[in-house]
């Protein structure tokens, strides 16, 4: 039996130093926000520039919110090897169209309500509806799109979901191990995605990452993996 491996994405990167820090810490993927209203937004040209620093086997992910299909396809083509992450109200058909009917891979974000209302979200049906997505990313439903830094109640999710899941929303080095423990056995595979939880402290620092927090986050994930295997 091999040890379970939780893959890690560091999202909302805007600087070369932060891309390098994510790679050095051992991240499997890095995310660039192509949603102009986000404080972490970058252009497709900037995302391509930052992604050019990535070594082999580290995947760039481009986050879109209700973007027109031609723009999505153009951005994905510009950032070689990238995966789309749809974070708005995109239907399954719109996701497929934007991803070029199988030309590009994509993830679909599921916005889980906060508090007890999270129990009413039918994640099994959602995953079935978006069965062509490579993974379903779980985020808290907050005002606006993405990067709210809020965690929904992970324990309210279904016990079995036939999909690869990516846990996001309010993750930090301190709580990511709990999320992994609660969700690992409920899906095909589990990955984690962090943004605000590894940013510099203080106002005005959205999109500016803290290299030490990134290292601590990756270390916490690896420790959770080791603990799961040993138990």
Protein backbone atom coordinates (compact mmCIF):
# COMPACT_ATOMS: atom_id res chain seq x y z
CA UNK A 1 0.00 0.00 0.00
CA UNK A 2 1.32 3.43 -0.96
CA UNK A 3 0.88 6.60 1.02
CA UNK A 4 -1.98 8.86 -0.12
CA UNK A 5 -0.72 11.99 -1.81
CA UNK A 6 -2.68 15.23 -1.60
CA UNK A 7 -1.83 17.51 -4.51
CA UNK A 8 -1.39 21.20 -3.80
CA UNK A 9 -2.29 24.35 -5.73
CA UNK A 10 -1.18 27.84 -4.69
CA UNK A 11 -3.59 30.33 -6.26
CA UNK A 12 -3.77 34.05 -6.90
CA UNK A 13 -0.11 34.55 -7.82
CA UNK A 14 0.97 37.91 -9.23
CA UNK A 15 4.76 38.04 -8.72
CA UNK A 16 7.76 36.08 -9.93
CA UNK A 17 9.03 35.59 -6.39
CA UNK A 18 5.76 33.97 -5.35
CA UNK A 19 5.77 31.58 -8.32
CA UNK A 20 9.31 30.58 -7.38
CA UNK A 21 8.34 30.15 -3.72
CA UNK A 22 5.42 27.88 -4.63
CA UNK A 23 7.66 25.75 -6.85
CA UNK A 24 10.45 25.58 -4.28
CA UNK A 25 7.99 24.48 -1.59
CA UNK A 26 6.76 21.60 -3.76
CA UNK A 27 3.42 22.81 -5.12
CA UNK A 28 1.89 20.75 -7.92
CA UNK A 29 0.02 23.66 -9.50
CA UNK A 30 -0.14 27.45 -9.41
CA UNK A 31 -3.17 29.59 -10.13
CA UNK A 32 -3.58 32.88 -11.97
CA UNK A 33 -6.82 34.87 -11.68
CA UNK A 34 -8.04 36.17 -15.04
CA UNK A 35 -11.08 37.92 -13.56
CA UNK A 36 -10.59 41.68 -13.88
CA UNK A 37 -12.66 42.54 -10.79
CA UNK A 38 -10.44 40.48 -8.48
CA UNK A 39 -7.69 42.23 -6.47
CA UNK A 40 -5.47 39.32 -7.53
CA UNK A 41 -6.22 39.70 -11.24
CA UNK A 42 -3.55 39.43 -13.91
CA UNK A 43 -3.85 39.56 -17.68
CA UNK A 44 -3.38 36.51 -19.87
CA UNK A 45 -0.10 38.02 -21.05
CA UNK A 46 1.11 38.39 -17.47
CA UNK A 47 -0.03 34.86 -16.60
CA UNK A 48 1.95 33.53 -19.56
CA UNK A 49 5.00 35.49 -18.42
CA UNK A 50 4.76 34.11 -14.88
CA UNK A 51 4.00 30.57 -16.07
CA UNK A 52 7.11 30.59 -18.23
CA UNK A 53 9.10 30.23 -14.99
CA UNK A 54 7.50 26.89 -14.15
CA UNK A 55 9.54 23.71 -14.38
CA UNK A 56 8.12 20.51 -15.90
CA UNK A 57 5.23 18.86 -14.03
CA UNK A 58 3.99 22.03 -12.29
CA UNK A 59 0.65 22.97 -13.85
CA UNK A 60 -0.61 26.52 -14.45
CA UNK A 61 -4.33 27.01 -13.75
CA UNK A 62 -6.28 29.97 -15.13
CA UNK A 63 -9.34 31.12 -13.15
CA UNK A 64 -12.25 32.55 -15.15
CA UNK A 65 -15.59 34.02 -14.08
CA UNK A 66 -18.33 34.05 -16.72
CA UNK A 67 -15.79 34.81 -19.45
CA UNK A 68 -16.67 34.52 -23.14
CA UNK A 69 -15.63 31.21 -24.68
CA UNK A 70 -13.28 32.71 -27.31
CA UNK A 71 -11.40 34.65 -24.61
CA UNK A 72 -11.05 31.54 -22.46
CA UNK A 73 -9.70 29.49 -25.35
CA UNK A 74 -7.27 32.24 -26.36
CA UNK A 75 -5.93 32.52 -22.81
CA UNK A 76 -5.53 28.77 -22.42
CA UNK A 77 -3.68 28.60 -25.73
CA UNK A 78 -1.41 31.44 -24.65
CA UNK A 79 -0.42 29.78 -21.36
CA UNK A 80 0.92 26.45 -22.52
CA UNK A 81 -0.13 23.39 -20.54
CA UNK A 82 -2.73 25.31 -18.56
CA UNK A 83 -6.03 24.12 -17.10
CA UNK A 84 -9.15 26.27 -16.81
CA UNK A 85 -10.99 26.82 -13.54
CA UNK A 86 -14.55 28.07 -14.02
CA UNK A 87 -15.76 30.01 -11.02
CA UNK A 88 -18.96 31.75 -12.17
CA UNK A 89 -22.35 30.57 -13.37
CA UNK A 90 -21.00 28.57 -16.31
CA UNK A 91 -23.26 25.69 -17.35
CA UNK A 92 -21.80 22.30 -18.32
CA UNK A 93 -22.35 23.20 -21.97
CA UNK A 94 -20.60 26.56 -21.58
CA UNK A 95 -17.64 24.92 -19.86
CA UNK A 96 -17.31 22.43 -22.69
CA UNK A 97 -17.53 25.17 -25.30
CA UNK A 98 -14.95 27.35 -23.57
CA UNK A 99 -12.62 24.37 -23.18
CA UNK A 100 -12.80 23.69 -26.89
CA UNK A 101 -14.91 20.53 -26.64
CA UNK A 102 -12.10 18.56 -25.05
CA UNK A 103 -9.13 20.52 -26.37
CA UNK A 104 -8.37 21.88 -22.89
CA UNK A 105 -8.91 20.41 -19.44
CA UNK A 106 -10.93 22.26 -16.82
CA UNK A 107 -12.12 22.26 -13.23
CA UNK A 108 -15.52 23.52 -12.11
CA UNK A 109 -15.94 25.38 -8.84
CA UNK A 110 -18.86 24.45 -6.59
CA UNK A 111 -19.83 27.29 -4.27
CA UNK A 112 -20.93 25.67 -1.00
CA UNK A 113 -23.17 27.77 1.30
CA UNK A 114 -21.75 28.69 4.69
CA UNK A 115 -23.14 27.23 7.92
CA UNK A 116 -25.91 24.65 8.13
CA UNK A 117 -27.13 25.59 4.64
CA UNK A 118 -24.17 23.68 3.25
CA UNK A 119 -26.04 20.43 3.90
CA UNK A 120 -28.53 21.41 1.22
CA UNK A 121 -25.96 21.56 -1.57
CA UNK A 122 -26.27 18.41 -3.72
CA UNK A 123 -22.62 17.80 -4.52
CA UNK A 124 -23.30 14.34 -5.95
CA UNK A 125 -25.67 15.81 -8.57
CA UNK A 126 -23.33 18.73 -9.21
CA UNK A 127 -20.41 16.39 -9.90
CA UNK A 128 -22.63 14.33 -12.21
CA UNK A 129 -23.77 17.44 -14.09
CA UNK A 130 -20.15 18.46 -14.63
CA UNK A 131 -18.86 14.95 -15.28
CA UNK A 132 -16.51 16.16 -18.01
CA UNK A 133 -14.62 18.37 -15.56
CA UNK A 134 -11.28 17.00 -14.45
CA UNK A 135 -12.17 17.93 -10.86
CA UNK A 136 -14.77 19.75 -8.79
CA UNK A 137 -13.29 22.54 -6.69
CA UNK A 138 -15.10 23.20 -3.42
CA UNK A 139 -15.24 26.82 -2.27
CA UNK A 140 -17.40 28.80 0.13
CA UNK A 141 -20.29 30.74 -1.36
CA UNK A 142 -19.51 34.36 -0.49
CA UNK A 143 -20.36 37.68 -2.06
CA UNK A 144 -18.36 38.06 -5.24
CA UNK A 145 -16.26 35.29 -6.72
CA UNK A 146 -13.36 33.43 -5.14
CA UNK A 147 -10.74 34.48 -2.64
CA UNK A 148 -13.14 35.18 0.20
CA UNK A 149 -11.00 33.33 2.72
CA UNK A 150 -14.07 31.66 4.25
CA UNK A 151 -14.36 27.97 5.10
CA UNK A 152 -17.66 26.13 4.76
CA UNK A 153 -18.57 23.20 7.02
CA UNK A 154 -16.63 20.32 5.44
CA UNK A 155 -18.40 17.70 7.56
CA UNK A 156 -21.72 18.41 5.80
CA UNK A 157 -20.53 17.12 2.43
CA UNK A 158 -21.81 13.73 1.19
CA UNK A 159 -19.94 10.61 2.32
CA UNK A 160 -19.22 9.48 -1.26
CA UNK A 161 -18.73 11.64 -4.36
CA UNK A 162 -17.69 10.04 -7.64
CA UNK A 163 -15.24 12.78 -8.60
CA UNK A 164 -11.80 14.17 -7.95
CA UNK A 165 -12.28 16.99 -5.43
CA UNK A 166 -10.18 20.08 -4.73
CA UNK A 167 -10.78 21.61 -1.30
CA UNK A 168 -10.54 25.39 -1.22
CA UNK A 169 -11.90 28.30 0.79
CA UNK A 170 -10.38 29.50 4.04
CA UNK A 171 -7.54 26.98 4.13
CA UNK A 172 -4.44 27.81 6.18
CA UNK A 173 -1.40 25.88 7.43
CA UNK A 174 -3.33 25.46 10.70
CA UNK A 175 -6.52 23.86 9.38
CA UNK A 176 -5.64 22.10 6.13
CA UNK A 177 -4.89 18.82 7.89
CA UNK A 178 -8.44 18.77 9.31
CA UNK A 179 -9.89 19.28 5.84
CA UNK A 180 -7.82 16.44 4.44
CA UNK A 181 -8.81 14.13 7.29
CA UNK A 182 -12.52 14.84 6.85
CA UNK A 183 -12.71 14.64 3.05
CA UNK A 184 -10.01 12.26 1.86
CA UNK A 185 -12.19 9.14 1.93
CA UNK A 186 -15.24 10.83 0.40
CA UNK A 187 -13.97 11.16 -3.17
CA UNK A 188 -11.74 9.62 -5.85
CA UNK A 189 -8.78 11.79 -4.90
CA UNK A 190 -8.40 14.96 -2.85
CA UNK A 191 -6.33 18.03 -3.65
CA UNK A 192 -6.13 21.36 -1.81
CA UNK A 193 -6.07 24.94 -3.07
CA UNK A 194 -4.94 27.94 -1.02
CA UNK A 195 -4.75 31.66 -1.74
CA UNK A 196 -5.50 34.09 1.09
CA UNK A 197 -4.20 31.63 3.69
CA UNK A 198 -0.61 32.08 2.47
CA UNK A 199 -0.62 35.82 1.85
CA UNK A 200 1.31 38.52 3.64
CA UNK A 201 -0.43 39.96 6.69
CA UNK A 202 -2.04 43.37 6.55
CA UNK A 203 -4.47 45.24 4.31
CA UNK A 204 -3.62 45.74 0.68
CA UNK A 205 -1.63 42.51 0.37
CA UNK A 206 -4.07 40.40 -1.64
CA UNK A 207 -2.07 38.63 -4.30
CA UNK A 208 1.21 39.02 -2.39
CA UNK A 209 2.29 35.69 -0.95
CA UNK A 210 4.40 34.87 2.10
CA UNK A 211 7.05 32.30 1.19
CA UNK A 212 7.24 30.99 4.76
CA UNK A 213 3.46 30.48 4.91
CA UNK A 214 3.61 28.59 1.62
CA UNK A 215 6.30 26.31 3.06
CA UNK A 216 4.25 25.79 6.23
CA UNK A 217 1.14 24.97 4.20
CA UNK A 218 2.92 22.38 2.07
CA UNK A 219 4.54 20.88 5.17
CA UNK A 220 1.14 20.60 6.88
CA UNK A 221 -0.31 18.78 3.86
CA UNK A 222 2.61 16.36 3.76
CA UNK A 223 2.28 15.72 7.49
CA UNK A 224 -1.43 14.99 7.06
CA UNK A 225 -0.61 12.55 4.28
CA UNK A 226 1.94 10.79 6.45
CA UNK A 227 -0.46 10.62 9.37
CA UNK A 228 -3.20 9.14 7.20
CA UNK A 229 -0.85 6.44 5.94
CA UNK A 230 0.47 5.54 9.38
CA UNK A 231 -3.03 5.28 10.83
